[in-house]
N, C-alpha and C. Protein backbone atom coordinates (compact mmCIF):
# COMPACT_ATOMS: atom_id res chain seq x y z
N MET A 1 0.82 -1.19 0.00
CA MET A 1 0.00 0.00 0.00
C MET A 1 0.86 1.26 0.00
N ALA A 2 1.99 1.22 0.72
CA ALA A 2 2.87 2.39 0.77
C ALA A 2 3.48 2.65 -0.60
N ILE A 3 3.90 1.60 -1.26
CA ILE A 3 4.48 1.77 -2.60
C ILE A 3 3.42 2.30 -3.55
N ASP A 4 2.22 1.75 -3.48
CA ASP A 4 1.13 2.24 -4.35
C ASP A 4 0.84 3.71 -4.08
N SER A 5 0.87 4.10 -2.81
CA SER A 5 0.63 5.50 -2.45
C SER A 5 1.73 6.40 -3.00
N ALA A 6 2.98 5.97 -2.87
CA ALA A 6 4.10 6.77 -3.40
C ALA A 6 4.02 6.87 -4.92
N LEU A 7 3.73 5.76 -5.58
CA LEU A 7 3.62 5.77 -7.04
C LEU A 7 2.46 6.65 -7.50
N ALA A 8 1.35 6.60 -6.79
CA ALA A 8 0.21 7.45 -7.14
C ALA A 8 0.58 8.93 -7.02
N THR A 9 1.34 9.27 -5.99
CA THR A 9 1.78 10.65 -5.81
C THR A 9 2.69 11.07 -6.96
N VAL A 10 3.63 10.22 -7.30
CA VAL A 10 4.56 10.53 -8.40
C VAL A 10 3.81 10.65 -9.72
N ASN A 11 2.87 9.77 -9.94
CA ASN A 11 2.15 9.76 -11.21
C ASN A 11 1.02 10.79 -11.31
N SER A 12 0.75 11.48 -10.21
CA SER A 12 -0.37 12.42 -10.20
C SER A 12 -0.01 13.78 -10.79
N THR A 13 1.24 13.98 -11.13
CA THR A 13 1.66 15.25 -11.69
C THR A 13 2.67 15.04 -12.81
N SER A 14 2.62 15.91 -13.78
CA SER A 14 3.62 15.85 -14.85
C SER A 14 4.84 16.68 -14.49
N ASP A 15 4.72 17.51 -13.47
CA ASP A 15 5.83 18.34 -13.00
C ASP A 15 6.34 17.80 -11.67
N ALA A 16 7.17 16.78 -11.74
CA ALA A 16 7.69 16.18 -10.52
C ALA A 16 8.59 17.18 -9.80
N PRO A 17 8.44 17.29 -8.49
CA PRO A 17 9.32 18.20 -7.74
C PRO A 17 10.75 17.68 -7.79
N PRO A 18 11.73 18.57 -7.74
CA PRO A 18 13.13 18.14 -7.85
C PRO A 18 13.61 17.37 -6.62
N VAL A 19 14.55 16.51 -6.84
CA VAL A 19 15.20 15.78 -5.75
C VAL A 19 15.97 16.80 -4.91
N PRO A 20 15.84 16.75 -3.58
CA PRO A 20 16.58 17.69 -2.74
C PRO A 20 18.09 17.62 -3.03
N LEU A 21 18.74 18.76 -2.99
CA LEU A 21 20.16 18.83 -3.32
C LEU A 21 21.02 17.90 -2.46
N HIS A 22 20.68 17.78 -1.18
CA HIS A 22 21.53 16.97 -0.30
C HIS A 22 21.47 15.48 -0.65
N LEU A 23 20.48 15.07 -1.44
CA LEU A 23 20.38 13.66 -1.84
C LEU A 23 21.01 13.38 -3.20
N ARG A 24 21.41 14.41 -3.88
CA ARG A 24 21.98 14.24 -5.22
C ARG A 24 23.45 13.86 -5.15
N ASN A 25 23.84 12.93 -6.01
CA ASN A 25 25.22 12.52 -6.13
C ASN A 25 26.05 13.69 -6.66
N ALA A 26 27.28 13.81 -6.19
CA ALA A 26 28.16 14.91 -6.62
C ALA A 26 29.49 14.37 -7.12
N PRO A 27 29.49 13.71 -8.29
CA PRO A 27 30.74 13.14 -8.78
C PRO A 27 31.69 14.15 -9.43
N THR A 28 31.23 15.37 -9.67
CA THR A 28 32.09 16.37 -10.31
C THR A 28 32.22 17.59 -9.41
N LYS A 29 33.25 18.37 -9.66
CA LYS A 29 33.45 19.61 -8.91
C LYS A 29 32.29 20.57 -9.12
N LEU A 30 31.79 20.68 -10.35
CA LEU A 30 30.66 21.56 -10.62
C LEU A 30 29.47 21.18 -9.76
N MET A 31 29.16 19.90 -9.69
CA MET A 31 28.02 19.47 -8.88
C MET A 31 28.24 19.78 -7.41
N LYS A 32 29.44 19.60 -6.92
CA LYS A 32 29.76 19.94 -5.54
C LYS A 32 29.60 21.44 -5.33
N ASP A 33 30.07 22.23 -6.28
CA ASP A 33 29.95 23.69 -6.19
C ASP A 33 28.49 24.14 -6.21
N LEU A 34 27.63 23.37 -6.87
CA LEU A 34 26.20 23.69 -6.93
C LEU A 34 25.45 23.26 -5.67
N GLY A 35 26.15 22.56 -4.76
CA GLY A 35 25.53 22.16 -3.50
C GLY A 35 25.02 20.75 -3.46
N TYR A 36 25.25 20.00 -4.53
CA TYR A 36 24.83 18.60 -4.52
C TYR A 36 25.52 17.88 -3.36
N HIS A 37 24.78 17.11 -2.65
CA HIS A 37 25.25 16.26 -1.55
C HIS A 37 25.57 17.03 -0.26
N LYS A 38 25.60 18.35 -0.30
CA LYS A 38 25.93 19.15 0.88
C LYS A 38 24.85 18.98 1.95
N GLY A 39 25.28 18.63 3.13
CA GLY A 39 24.36 18.47 4.25
C GLY A 39 23.77 17.08 4.38
N TYR A 40 24.14 16.17 3.48
CA TYR A 40 23.63 14.80 3.58
C TYR A 40 24.19 14.12 4.82
N LYS A 41 23.33 13.43 5.52
CA LYS A 41 23.73 12.69 6.72
C LYS A 41 23.48 11.21 6.46
N TYR A 42 24.53 10.41 6.54
CA TYR A 42 24.43 8.97 6.33
C TYR A 42 23.91 8.32 7.60
N ALA A 43 22.73 7.75 7.53
CA ALA A 43 22.05 7.21 8.71
C ALA A 43 22.91 6.22 9.50
N HIS A 44 23.70 5.41 8.82
CA HIS A 44 24.48 4.39 9.51
C HIS A 44 25.65 4.97 10.31
N ASP A 45 25.88 6.27 10.15
CA ASP A 45 26.89 6.94 10.98
C ASP A 45 26.30 7.43 12.29
N PHE A 46 25.01 7.24 12.50
CA PHE A 46 24.33 7.76 13.68
C PHE A 46 23.77 6.62 14.54
N GLU A 47 23.58 6.93 15.81
CA GLU A 47 23.04 5.95 16.74
C GLU A 47 21.70 5.41 16.24
N GLY A 48 21.57 4.11 16.30
CA GLY A 48 20.33 3.47 15.88
C GLY A 48 20.13 3.46 14.36
N ASN A 49 21.18 3.86 13.63
CA ASN A 49 21.10 3.93 12.16
C ASN A 49 19.95 4.80 11.70
N PHE A 50 19.75 5.89 12.39
CA PHE A 50 18.65 6.80 12.07
C PHE A 50 19.15 8.23 12.11
N VAL A 51 18.69 9.02 11.16
CA VAL A 51 18.97 10.45 11.16
C VAL A 51 17.68 11.19 10.85
N ASP A 52 17.41 12.23 11.60
CA ASP A 52 16.21 13.03 11.38
C ASP A 52 16.51 14.01 10.26
N GLN A 53 16.25 13.58 9.04
CA GLN A 53 16.53 14.40 7.86
C GLN A 53 15.41 14.18 6.85
N GLU A 54 14.99 15.25 6.22
CA GLU A 54 13.94 15.15 5.20
C GLU A 54 14.52 14.56 3.93
N PHE A 55 13.82 13.61 3.36
CA PHE A 55 14.28 12.95 2.14
C PHE A 55 13.35 13.24 0.96
N LEU A 56 12.27 13.92 1.22
CA LEU A 56 11.32 14.24 0.15
C LEU A 56 11.53 15.67 -0.33
N PRO A 57 11.13 15.96 -1.55
CA PRO A 57 11.18 17.34 -2.05
C PRO A 57 10.31 18.25 -1.17
N ASP A 58 10.60 19.54 -1.19
CA ASP A 58 9.85 20.50 -0.37
C ASP A 58 8.34 20.38 -0.57
N ALA A 59 7.93 20.15 -1.81
CA ALA A 59 6.49 20.06 -2.11
C ALA A 59 5.82 18.87 -1.43
N LEU A 60 6.60 17.90 -1.02
CA LEU A 60 6.04 16.69 -0.38
C LEU A 60 6.48 16.55 1.07
N LYS A 61 7.15 17.56 1.60
CA LYS A 61 7.69 17.50 2.95
C LYS A 61 6.62 17.06 3.96
N GLY A 62 7.00 16.07 4.77
CA GLY A 62 6.10 15.59 5.81
C GLY A 62 5.09 14.56 5.33
N THR A 63 5.09 14.23 4.05
CA THR A 63 4.15 13.25 3.53
C THR A 63 4.49 11.87 4.09
N LYS A 64 3.46 11.15 4.52
CA LYS A 64 3.64 9.78 5.00
C LYS A 64 3.01 8.84 3.98
N PHE A 65 3.80 7.93 3.47
CA PHE A 65 3.29 6.95 2.52
C PHE A 65 2.95 5.65 3.24
N TYR A 66 3.61 5.39 4.33
CA TYR A 66 3.40 4.14 5.08
C TYR A 66 2.66 4.44 6.38
N GLU A 67 1.59 3.74 6.59
CA GLU A 67 0.85 3.80 7.85
C GLU A 67 0.79 2.38 8.40
N PRO A 68 1.38 2.14 9.56
CA PRO A 68 1.37 0.78 10.12
C PRO A 68 -0.07 0.28 10.31
N GLY A 69 -0.24 -1.01 10.04
CA GLY A 69 -1.55 -1.63 10.22
C GLY A 69 -1.82 -1.92 11.68
N ASP A 70 -2.96 -2.49 11.94
CA ASP A 70 -3.40 -2.79 13.31
C ASP A 70 -3.16 -4.27 13.60
N ASN A 71 -1.89 -4.60 13.89
CA ASN A 71 -1.54 -5.96 14.30
C ASN A 71 -0.30 -5.89 15.18
N LYS A 72 0.01 -6.99 15.84
CA LYS A 72 1.09 -7.00 16.84
C LYS A 72 2.43 -6.52 16.26
N HIS A 73 2.82 -7.04 15.12
CA HIS A 73 4.11 -6.67 14.55
C HIS A 73 4.13 -5.20 14.13
N GLU A 74 3.09 -4.75 13.47
CA GLU A 74 3.08 -3.36 13.01
C GLU A 74 2.86 -2.38 14.16
N ASP A 75 2.33 -2.84 15.27
CA ASP A 75 2.27 -1.99 16.47
C ASP A 75 3.69 -1.66 16.93
N GLN A 76 4.60 -2.62 16.83
CA GLN A 76 6.00 -2.38 17.19
C GLN A 76 6.64 -1.40 16.21
N ILE A 77 6.34 -1.56 14.94
CA ILE A 77 6.86 -0.63 13.93
C ILE A 77 6.33 0.77 14.21
N HIS A 78 5.05 0.86 14.52
CA HIS A 78 4.44 2.16 14.82
C HIS A 78 5.12 2.82 16.01
N ALA A 79 5.40 2.04 17.04
CA ALA A 79 6.06 2.60 18.23
C ALA A 79 7.45 3.13 17.87
N ARG A 80 8.18 2.39 17.05
CA ARG A 80 9.53 2.85 16.65
C ARG A 80 9.44 4.11 15.80
N LEU A 81 8.52 4.14 14.85
CA LEU A 81 8.36 5.33 14.02
C LEU A 81 7.96 6.53 14.87
N ALA A 82 7.08 6.32 15.82
CA ALA A 82 6.64 7.42 16.69
C ALA A 82 7.81 7.97 17.50
N ALA A 83 8.67 7.07 17.96
CA ALA A 83 9.83 7.51 18.75
C ALA A 83 10.84 8.25 17.88
N LEU A 84 11.03 7.80 16.65
CA LEU A 84 12.02 8.41 15.77
C LEU A 84 11.52 9.69 15.11
N TRP A 85 10.29 9.68 14.66
CA TRP A 85 9.75 10.81 13.90
C TRP A 85 8.74 11.58 14.74
N LYS A 86 9.15 12.02 15.91
CA LYS A 86 8.24 12.71 16.84
C LYS A 86 7.51 13.89 16.20
N LYS A 87 8.20 14.63 15.35
CA LYS A 87 7.59 15.83 14.78
C LYS A 87 6.45 15.52 13.82
N TYR A 88 6.36 14.26 13.36
CA TYR A 88 5.30 13.91 12.41
C TYR A 88 4.12 13.21 13.06
N ASN A 89 4.15 13.10 14.38
CA ASN A 89 3.02 12.53 15.12
C ASN A 89 2.56 11.19 14.56
N TYR A 90 3.48 10.25 14.47
CA TYR A 90 3.10 8.92 13.99
C TYR A 90 2.15 8.26 14.91
């Protein structure tokens, strides 16, 4: 359902919002000078392999594609998401 929701969002517009600069690869000096990759935080360098960083374009900021279901396993996922993404009120 989350993938379908994300695909529906992508397919709902012909003007896709740009990928945030910090997520863009910077293999050349020009790209680095333009700010590509600047400010990117690699989650595995942080405690719990989590970093509070926006990964969506500004036009989609805060969008949730995944909503945990109502079962024992997804209750645990929901609790983890709520602890990690406090600002989004999971």
